[in-house]
N, C-alpha and C. Protein backbone atom coordinates (compact mmCIF):
# COMPACT_ATOMS: atom_id res chain seq x y z
N MET A 1 27.00 -10.34 4.89
CA MET A 1 26.15 -10.90 5.92
C MET A 1 24.78 -10.19 5.88
N LEU A 2 23.67 -10.95 6.08
CA LEU A 2 22.38 -10.36 6.08
C LEU A 2 22.17 -9.51 7.35
N ASP A 3 21.57 -8.38 7.19
CA ASP A 3 21.17 -7.52 8.31
C ASP A 3 19.80 -7.87 8.74
N LEU A 4 19.66 -8.89 9.52
CA LEU A 4 18.36 -9.45 9.85
C LEU A 4 17.47 -8.53 10.69
N GLU A 5 18.07 -7.65 11.46
CA GLU A 5 17.31 -6.66 12.20
C GLU A 5 16.69 -5.66 11.29
N ALA A 6 17.47 -5.21 10.33
CA ALA A 6 16.90 -4.20 9.31
C ALA A 6 15.83 -4.90 8.53
N ILE A 7 15.97 -6.15 8.14
CA ILE A 7 15.04 -6.79 7.40
C ILE A 7 13.70 -6.89 8.17
N GLU A 8 13.79 -7.23 9.42
CA GLU A 8 12.57 -7.43 10.30
C GLU A 8 11.91 -6.03 10.48
N LEU A 9 12.66 -4.94 10.62
CA LEU A 9 12.08 -3.66 10.80
C LEU A 9 11.37 -3.21 9.52
N ILE A 10 11.98 -3.55 8.42
CA ILE A 10 11.32 -3.17 7.09
C ILE A 10 10.05 -3.98 6.97
N LYS A 11 10.03 -5.23 7.29
CA LYS A 11 8.79 -6.08 7.22
C LYS A 11 7.72 -5.41 8.17
N GLN A 12 8.08 -4.99 9.34
CA GLN A 12 7.09 -4.30 10.24
C GLN A 12 6.63 -2.93 9.64
N LEU A 13 7.51 -2.21 8.97
CA LEU A 13 7.21 -1.06 8.29
C LEU A 13 6.10 -1.20 7.24
N LYS A 14 6.32 -2.32 6.37
CA LYS A 14 5.34 -2.56 5.31
C LYS A 14 4.02 -3.07 5.94
N ALA A 15 4.11 -3.80 6.99
CA ALA A 15 2.92 -4.30 7.73
C ALA A 15 2.03 -3.02 8.20
N ARG A 16 2.75 -2.05 8.75
CA ARG A 16 2.10 -0.83 9.23
C ARG A 16 1.42 -0.11 8.00
N TYR A 17 2.17 -0.01 6.88
CA TYR A 17 1.65 0.60 5.73
C TYR A 17 0.30 -0.02 5.26
N PHE A 18 0.28 -1.30 5.21
CA PHE A 18 -0.98 -1.95 4.82
C PHE A 18 -2.05 -1.76 5.79
N ARG A 19 -1.72 -1.95 7.12
CA ARG A 19 -2.71 -1.76 8.17
C ARG A 19 -3.33 -0.33 8.24
N PHE A 20 -2.43 0.66 8.19
CA PHE A 20 -2.92 2.08 8.22
C PHE A 20 -3.76 2.41 6.99
N MET A 21 -3.32 1.89 5.83
CA MET A 21 -4.10 2.15 4.61
C MET A 21 -5.54 1.54 4.69
N ASP A 22 -5.63 0.26 5.06
CA ASP A 22 -6.90 -0.35 5.12
C ASP A 22 -7.81 0.17 6.18
N MET A 23 -7.24 0.74 7.27
CA MET A 23 -8.13 1.37 8.33
C MET A 23 -8.34 2.80 8.10
N GLY A 24 -7.76 3.40 7.10
CA GLY A 24 -7.93 4.81 6.85
C GLY A 24 -7.25 5.67 7.83
N LYS A 25 -6.23 5.20 8.47
CA LYS A 25 -5.42 5.95 9.41
C LYS A 25 -4.35 6.73 8.71
N ILE A 26 -4.69 7.84 8.13
CA ILE A 26 -3.83 8.59 7.28
C ILE A 26 -2.58 9.09 8.00
N GLU A 27 -2.79 9.56 9.24
CA GLU A 27 -1.53 10.09 9.98
C GLU A 27 -0.46 8.97 10.15
N GLY A 28 -0.96 7.76 10.51
CA GLY A 28 -0.02 6.68 10.65
C GLY A 28 0.61 6.28 9.31
N LEU A 29 -0.19 6.24 8.30
CA LEU A 29 0.20 5.90 6.93
C LEU A 29 1.27 6.81 6.46
N MET A 30 1.08 8.12 6.66
CA MET A 30 2.07 9.10 6.17
C MET A 30 3.31 9.02 6.93
N ASP A 31 3.27 8.52 8.15
CA ASP A 31 4.49 8.37 8.93
C ASP A 31 5.44 7.24 8.36
N THR A 32 4.89 6.41 7.47
CA THR A 32 5.69 5.36 6.85
C THR A 32 6.55 5.88 5.73
N PHE A 33 6.28 7.10 5.22
CA PHE A 33 6.96 7.67 4.04
C PHE A 33 7.96 8.71 4.44
N THR A 34 8.95 8.97 3.55
CA THR A 34 9.80 10.07 3.58
C THR A 34 9.03 11.30 3.01
N GLU A 35 9.49 12.46 3.26
CA GLU A 35 8.69 13.63 2.72
C GLU A 35 8.74 13.69 1.23
N ASP A 36 9.75 13.18 0.60
CA ASP A 36 9.90 13.24 -0.84
C ASP A 36 9.54 11.89 -1.53
N ALA A 37 8.74 11.13 -0.90
CA ALA A 37 8.41 9.73 -1.34
C ALA A 37 7.67 9.82 -2.67
N GLU A 38 7.56 8.66 -3.32
CA GLU A 38 6.79 8.53 -4.56
C GLU A 38 5.97 7.19 -4.49
N VAL A 39 4.77 7.27 -4.97
CA VAL A 39 3.94 6.09 -5.16
C VAL A 39 3.59 6.00 -6.67
N ASP A 40 3.56 4.74 -7.10
CA ASP A 40 3.37 4.52 -8.60
C ASP A 40 2.69 3.12 -8.81
N PHE A 41 1.39 3.22 -9.09
CA PHE A 41 0.65 1.98 -9.29
C PHE A 41 0.07 1.85 -10.69
N LYS A 42 0.25 0.65 -11.32
CA LYS A 42 -0.20 0.42 -12.64
C LYS A 42 -0.99 -0.83 -12.69
N SER A 43 -2.06 -0.68 -13.51
CA SER A 43 -2.93 -1.84 -13.81
C SER A 43 -3.53 -1.63 -15.21
N PRO A 44 -4.26 -2.61 -15.73
CA PRO A 44 -4.89 -2.43 -17.04
C PRO A 44 -6.00 -1.36 -16.94
N THR A 45 -6.52 -0.99 -15.75
CA THR A 45 -7.57 0.02 -15.69
C THR A 45 -7.18 1.32 -15.01
N TYR A 46 -6.01 1.50 -14.55
CA TYR A 46 -5.57 2.68 -14.03
C TYR A 46 -4.00 2.89 -13.97
N GLU A 47 -3.57 4.08 -13.85
CA GLU A 47 -2.19 4.39 -13.64
C GLU A 47 -2.07 5.61 -12.69
N ILE A 48 -1.49 5.43 -11.58
CA ILE A 48 -1.44 6.40 -10.44
C ILE A 48 -0.05 6.69 -10.14
N ASN A 49 0.27 7.96 -10.15
CA ASN A 49 1.65 8.42 -9.68
C ASN A 49 1.55 9.67 -8.91
N HIS A 50 2.09 9.61 -7.69
CA HIS A 50 2.12 10.80 -6.88
C HIS A 50 3.47 10.98 -6.18
N LYS A 51 3.90 12.19 -6.12
CA LYS A 51 5.25 12.46 -5.55
C LYS A 51 5.12 13.57 -4.42
N GLY A 52 5.79 13.32 -3.37
CA GLY A 52 5.82 14.25 -2.28
C GLY A 52 4.71 14.04 -1.28
N TYR A 53 5.07 14.40 -0.03
CA TYR A 53 4.22 14.08 1.06
C TYR A 53 2.77 14.62 0.89
N ALA A 54 2.60 15.84 0.47
CA ALA A 54 1.27 16.47 0.37
C ALA A 54 0.48 15.84 -0.75
N ASP A 55 1.04 15.49 -1.90
CA ASP A 55 0.39 14.84 -2.98
C ASP A 55 -0.07 13.41 -2.63
N ILE A 56 0.83 12.73 -2.04
CA ILE A 56 0.56 11.31 -1.56
C ILE A 56 -0.57 11.32 -0.56
N ARG A 57 -0.54 12.24 0.41
CA ARG A 57 -1.52 12.36 1.47
C ARG A 57 -2.94 12.58 0.80
N GLU A 58 -2.97 13.50 -0.10
CA GLU A 58 -4.23 13.84 -0.80
C GLU A 58 -4.80 12.55 -1.50
N PHE A 59 -3.94 11.82 -2.19
CA PHE A 59 -4.38 10.66 -2.85
C PHE A 59 -5.00 9.61 -1.92
N TYR A 60 -4.28 9.27 -0.78
CA TYR A 60 -4.85 8.38 0.13
C TYR A 60 -6.12 8.83 0.78
N GLU A 61 -6.24 10.10 1.16
CA GLU A 61 -7.39 10.69 1.74
C GLU A 61 -8.59 10.57 0.85
N SER A 62 -8.42 10.70 -0.47
CA SER A 62 -9.53 10.63 -1.41
C SER A 62 -9.85 9.20 -1.85
N THR A 63 -8.94 8.33 -1.62
CA THR A 63 -9.14 6.92 -2.10
C THR A 63 -9.79 6.03 -1.04
N PHE A 64 -9.50 6.24 0.24
CA PHE A 64 -9.99 5.34 1.31
C PHE A 64 -10.96 6.17 2.19
N SER A 65 -12.17 5.64 2.35
CA SER A 65 -13.25 6.29 3.17
C SER A 65 -14.16 5.17 3.65
N LYS A 66 -15.25 5.52 4.29
CA LYS A 66 -16.25 4.60 4.73
C LYS A 66 -17.00 3.97 3.60
N ARG A 67 -16.88 4.62 2.38
CA ARG A 67 -17.56 4.08 1.19
C ARG A 67 -16.61 3.47 0.20
N LYS A 68 -15.24 3.62 0.42
CA LYS A 68 -14.23 3.07 -0.50
C LYS A 68 -13.13 2.47 0.47
N PHE A 69 -12.95 1.19 0.41
CA PHE A 69 -12.00 0.60 1.39
C PHE A 69 -11.53 -0.72 0.83
N GLY A 70 -10.58 -1.28 1.56
CA GLY A 70 -10.04 -2.57 0.96
C GLY A 70 -9.31 -3.40 1.97
N MET A 71 -8.65 -4.47 1.39
CA MET A 71 -7.79 -5.33 2.20
C MET A 71 -6.56 -5.60 1.36
N HIS A 72 -5.48 -5.32 1.95
CA HIS A 72 -4.18 -5.45 1.25
C HIS A 72 -3.24 -6.28 2.07
N THR A 73 -2.75 -7.35 1.51
CA THR A 73 -1.79 -8.20 2.20
C THR A 73 -0.55 -8.43 1.35
N GLY A 74 0.62 -8.28 1.97
CA GLY A 74 1.96 -8.41 1.32
C GLY A 74 2.53 -9.76 1.77
N HIS A 75 3.10 -10.47 0.82
CA HIS A 75 3.60 -11.89 1.08
C HIS A 75 4.99 -12.03 0.48
N HIS A 76 5.71 -12.95 1.00
CA HIS A 76 6.94 -13.43 0.38
C HIS A 76 8.00 -12.29 0.12
N PRO A 77 8.24 -11.48 1.14
CA PRO A 77 9.16 -10.42 0.90
C PRO A 77 10.52 -10.80 0.50
N GLU A 78 11.17 -10.09 -0.42
CA GLU A 78 12.52 -10.31 -0.75
C GLU A 78 13.20 -8.91 -0.50
N ILE A 79 14.00 -8.85 0.60
CA ILE A 79 14.47 -7.48 1.07
C ILE A 79 16.07 -7.57 1.06
N THR A 80 16.61 -6.61 0.38
CA THR A 80 18.05 -6.45 0.34
C THR A 80 18.45 -5.16 1.01
N VAL A 81 19.37 -5.21 1.96
CA VAL A 81 19.84 -4.11 2.71
C VAL A 81 21.24 -3.80 2.38
N GLU A 82 21.45 -2.45 2.16
CA GLU A 82 22.85 -1.97 1.89
C GLU A 82 23.01 -0.68 2.71
N GLY A 83 23.56 -0.90 3.94
CA GLY A 83 23.74 0.17 4.84
C GLY A 83 22.44 0.83 5.28
N ASP A 84 22.24 2.11 4.97
CA ASP A 84 21.02 2.81 5.33
C ASP A 84 19.98 2.90 4.26
N THR A 85 20.15 2.06 3.18
CA THR A 85 19.11 1.91 2.14
C THR A 85 18.83 0.46 2.00
N ALA A 86 17.63 0.28 1.37
CA ALA A 86 17.19 -1.13 1.11
C ALA A 86 16.19 -1.11 -0.02
N THR A 87 16.04 -2.29 -0.61
CA THR A 87 15.00 -2.51 -1.61
C THR A 87 14.13 -3.72 -1.12
N GLY A 88 12.92 -3.71 -1.55
CA GLY A 88 12.03 -4.86 -1.24
C GLY A 88 11.11 -5.23 -2.42
N LEU A 89 10.82 -6.45 -2.56
CA LEU A 89 9.91 -6.97 -3.47
C LEU A 89 8.87 -7.81 -2.77
N TRP A 90 7.56 -7.45 -2.88
CA TRP A 90 6.51 -8.03 -2.15
C TRP A 90 5.42 -8.52 -3.12
N TYR A 91 4.83 -9.67 -2.83
CA TYR A 91 3.70 -10.16 -3.55
C TYR A 91 2.45 -9.68 -2.89
N LEU A 92 1.63 -8.91 -3.64
CA LEU A 92 0.40 -8.36 -3.12
C LEU A 92 -0.83 -9.18 -3.50
N HIS A 93 -1.72 -9.33 -2.56
CA HIS A 93 -3.07 -9.76 -2.87
C HIS A 93 -4.02 -8.72 -2.27
N ASP A 94 -4.92 -8.19 -3.02
CA ASP A 94 -5.81 -7.14 -2.47
C ASP A 94 -7.22 -7.23 -3.01
N ILE A 95 -8.10 -6.66 -2.22
CA ILE A 95 -9.56 -6.48 -2.64
C ILE A 95 -9.88 -5.04 -2.28
N PHE A 96 -10.48 -4.37 -3.26
CA PHE A 96 -10.87 -3.01 -3.02
C PHE A 96 -12.38 -2.87 -3.39
N VAL A 97 -13.10 -2.22 -2.44
CA VAL A 97 -14.58 -2.09 -2.63
C VAL A 97 -14.94 -0.57 -2.76
N SER A 98 -15.67 -0.31 -3.73
CA SER A 98 -16.22 1.11 -3.86
C SER A 98 -17.77 0.84 -3.81
N LEU A 99 -18.38 1.28 -2.68
CA LEU A 99 -19.74 1.22 -2.56
C LEU A 99 -20.45 2.34 -3.46
N ASP A 100 -19.74 3.40 -3.67
CA ASP A 100 -20.22 4.46 -4.47
C ASP A 100 -20.42 4.03 -5.93
N ASP A 101 -19.52 3.27 -6.40
CA ASP A 101 -19.59 2.75 -7.83
C ASP A 101 -20.10 1.29 -7.96
N CYS A 102 -20.42 0.70 -6.77
CA CYS A 102 -20.88 -0.69 -6.75
C CYS A 102 -19.94 -1.66 -7.45
N VAL A 103 -18.64 -1.43 -7.12
CA VAL A 103 -17.53 -2.22 -7.82
C VAL A 103 -16.64 -2.78 -6.76
N GLU A 104 -16.20 -4.02 -7.05
CA GLU A 104 -15.14 -4.63 -6.22
C GLU A 104 -14.01 -5.07 -7.21
N VAL A 105 -12.79 -4.71 -6.84
CA VAL A 105 -11.63 -5.04 -7.56
C VAL A 105 -10.78 -6.12 -6.75
N GLU A 106 -10.42 -7.10 -7.29
CA GLU A 106 -9.52 -8.06 -6.63
C GLU A 106 -8.36 -8.32 -7.56
N GLY A 107 -7.13 -8.47 -6.98
CA GLY A 107 -6.05 -8.72 -7.80
C GLY A 107 -4.75 -9.08 -7.06
N SER A 108 -3.69 -9.20 -7.86
CA SER A 108 -2.37 -9.40 -7.31
C SER A 108 -1.44 -8.50 -8.10
N ALA A 109 -0.29 -8.27 -7.47
CA ALA A 109 0.75 -7.44 -8.10
C ALA A 109 2.08 -7.67 -7.42
N LEU A 110 3.11 -7.20 -8.03
CA LEU A 110 4.39 -7.21 -7.29
C LEU A 110 4.76 -5.78 -6.97
N TYR A 111 4.81 -5.57 -5.66
CA TYR A 111 5.29 -4.27 -5.16
C TYR A 111 6.82 -4.21 -5.24
N GLU A 112 7.28 -3.17 -5.68
CA GLU A 112 8.75 -2.88 -5.65
C GLU A 112 8.98 -1.63 -4.78
N ASP A 113 9.71 -1.75 -3.70
CA ASP A 113 9.91 -0.67 -2.78
C ASP A 113 11.36 -0.34 -2.68
N ARG A 114 11.60 0.95 -2.28
CA ARG A 114 12.91 1.45 -1.85
C ARG A 114 12.71 2.10 -0.49
N TYR A 115 13.67 1.87 0.36
CA TYR A 115 13.64 2.28 1.76
C TYR A 115 14.87 3.02 2.13
N LYS A 116 14.73 3.90 3.14
CA LYS A 116 15.89 4.69 3.65
C LYS A 116 15.75 4.79 5.13
N LYS A 117 16.90 4.56 5.84
CA LYS A 117 16.90 4.76 7.34
C LYS A 117 17.22 6.19 7.61
N ILE A 118 16.25 6.86 8.30
CA ILE A 118 16.46 8.25 8.62
C ILE A 118 16.33 8.39 10.15
N ASN A 119 17.35 8.98 10.77
CA ASN A 119 17.34 9.08 12.27
C ASN A 119 16.98 7.75 12.99
N GLY A 120 17.56 6.67 12.44
CA GLY A 120 17.37 5.42 13.06
C GLY A 120 16.11 4.65 12.72
N GLU A 121 15.24 5.24 11.86
CA GLU A 121 13.94 4.65 11.54
C GLU A 121 13.84 4.41 10.05
N TRP A 122 13.39 3.28 9.56
CA TRP A 122 13.17 2.95 8.21
C TRP A 122 11.95 3.64 7.69
N LYS A 123 12.05 4.23 6.49
CA LYS A 123 10.88 4.88 5.80
C LYS A 123 10.82 4.42 4.40
N ILE A 124 9.65 4.56 3.74
CA ILE A 124 9.52 4.21 2.38
C ILE A 124 9.81 5.42 1.52
N VAL A 125 10.76 5.26 0.58
CA VAL A 125 11.11 6.34 -0.34
C VAL A 125 10.31 6.17 -1.67
N TYR A 126 10.04 4.97 -2.01
CA TYR A 126 9.28 4.68 -3.25
C TYR A 126 8.59 3.38 -2.98
N THR A 127 7.26 3.36 -3.37
CA THR A 127 6.50 2.11 -3.40
C THR A 127 5.66 2.08 -4.69
N GLY A 128 5.64 0.97 -5.34
CA GLY A 128 4.89 0.97 -6.58
C GLY A 128 4.64 -0.48 -6.98
N TYR A 129 3.66 -0.71 -7.80
CA TYR A 129 3.36 -2.05 -8.24
C TYR A 129 2.85 -2.03 -9.69
N GLU A 130 3.01 -3.16 -10.35
CA GLU A 130 2.38 -3.43 -11.61
C GLU A 130 1.44 -4.66 -11.48
N ARG A 131 0.27 -4.61 -11.83
CA ARG A 131 -0.70 -5.71 -11.65
C ARG A 131 -0.25 -6.90 -12.43
N LEU A 132 -0.36 -8.06 -11.86
CA LEU A 132 -0.22 -9.32 -12.49
C LEU A 132 -1.61 -9.90 -12.94
N PHE A 133 -2.62 -9.63 -12.02
CA PHE A 133 -3.97 -10.16 -12.20
C PHE A 133 -4.92 -9.03 -11.63
N GLU A 134 -6.00 -8.87 -12.37
CA GLU A 134 -7.04 -7.99 -11.86
C GLU A 134 -8.38 -8.42 -12.33
N LYS A 135 -9.31 -8.48 -11.31
CA LYS A 135 -10.73 -8.82 -11.64
C LYS A 135 -11.55 -7.72 -11.13
N VAL A 136 -12.39 -7.19 -12.02
CA VAL A 136 -13.37 -6.13 -11.60
C VAL A 136 -14.76 -6.64 -11.74
N SER A 137 -15.50 -6.59 -10.57
CA SER A 137 -16.83 -7.17 -10.56
C SER A 137 -17.81 -6.06 -10.07
N MET A 138 -18.98 -6.09 -10.62
CA MET A 138 -20.09 -5.29 -10.07
C MET A 138 -20.61 -5.93 -8.80
N ILE A 139 -20.96 -5.09 -7.82
CA ILE A 139 -21.45 -5.60 -6.58
C ILE A 139 -22.95 -5.71 -6.81
N PRO A 140 -23.53 -6.94 -6.66
CA PRO A 140 -25.03 -7.06 -6.84
C PRO A 140 -25.77 -6.29 -5.76
N GLU A 141 -26.95 -5.86 -6.18
CA GLU A 141 -27.79 -5.05 -5.23
C GLU A 141 -28.18 -5.90 -3.97
N SER A 142 -28.16 -7.19 -4.13
CA SER A 142 -28.54 -8.06 -2.93
C SER A 142 -27.36 -8.17 -1.99
N THR A 143 -26.22 -7.64 -2.25
CA THR A 143 -25.05 -7.73 -1.40
C THR A 143 -25.16 -6.75 -0.26
N HIS A 144 -24.91 -7.21 1.00
CA HIS A 144 -24.94 -6.26 2.13
C HIS A 144 -23.62 -6.38 2.77
N VAL A 145 -22.94 -5.16 2.85
CA VAL A 145 -21.65 -5.05 3.46
C VAL A 145 -21.95 -4.78 4.99
N THR A 146 -21.47 -5.68 5.81
CA THR A 146 -21.81 -5.59 7.27
C THR A 146 -20.69 -4.97 8.09
N GLY A 147 -19.58 -4.73 7.48
CA GLY A 147 -18.55 -4.08 8.28
C GLY A 147 -17.59 -3.26 7.35
N CYS A 148 -16.98 -2.32 8.05
CA CYS A 148 -16.09 -1.44 7.28
C CYS A 148 -14.90 -1.11 8.14
N PRO A 149 -13.63 -1.38 7.58
CA PRO A 149 -12.48 -1.14 8.44
C PRO A 149 -12.20 0.32 8.82
N ILE A 150 -12.84 1.25 8.16
CA ILE A 150 -12.62 2.64 8.39
C ILE A 150 -13.67 3.23 9.31
N LYS A 151 -13.35 3.74 10.44
CA LYS A 151 -14.19 4.20 11.50
C LYS A 151 -14.47 5.75 11.27
């Protein structure tokens, strides 16, 4: 039988992950992970792997700022729960802007996650993706960014 409550709680966890990341709320973002978590992101232009709370925190702090920010949305989750562990597959659409490099990256990927229930709360043990599509564009000088999600 499906554990619909666990599935919904995991969906909310992933929603918080995306929201905290895009708003640069590092404390909230780190609360979505276990202390021994791993992140692993692969694309044609980069390969990122970080393990452990401190290493992951440093990565997100250096990646998201008022000059580097993005929009990440996860769709069509496929979540399988087995007791206090679970796996998830999410379709990602994202846009990342670096005003420092005058670059915008847009793409899609498949996130593969592993979760664990600790003290009654679901946490991310592993999150990673491999790009399906990636478009890198230079931001023209005439472009004016009028808002930034990171305060």
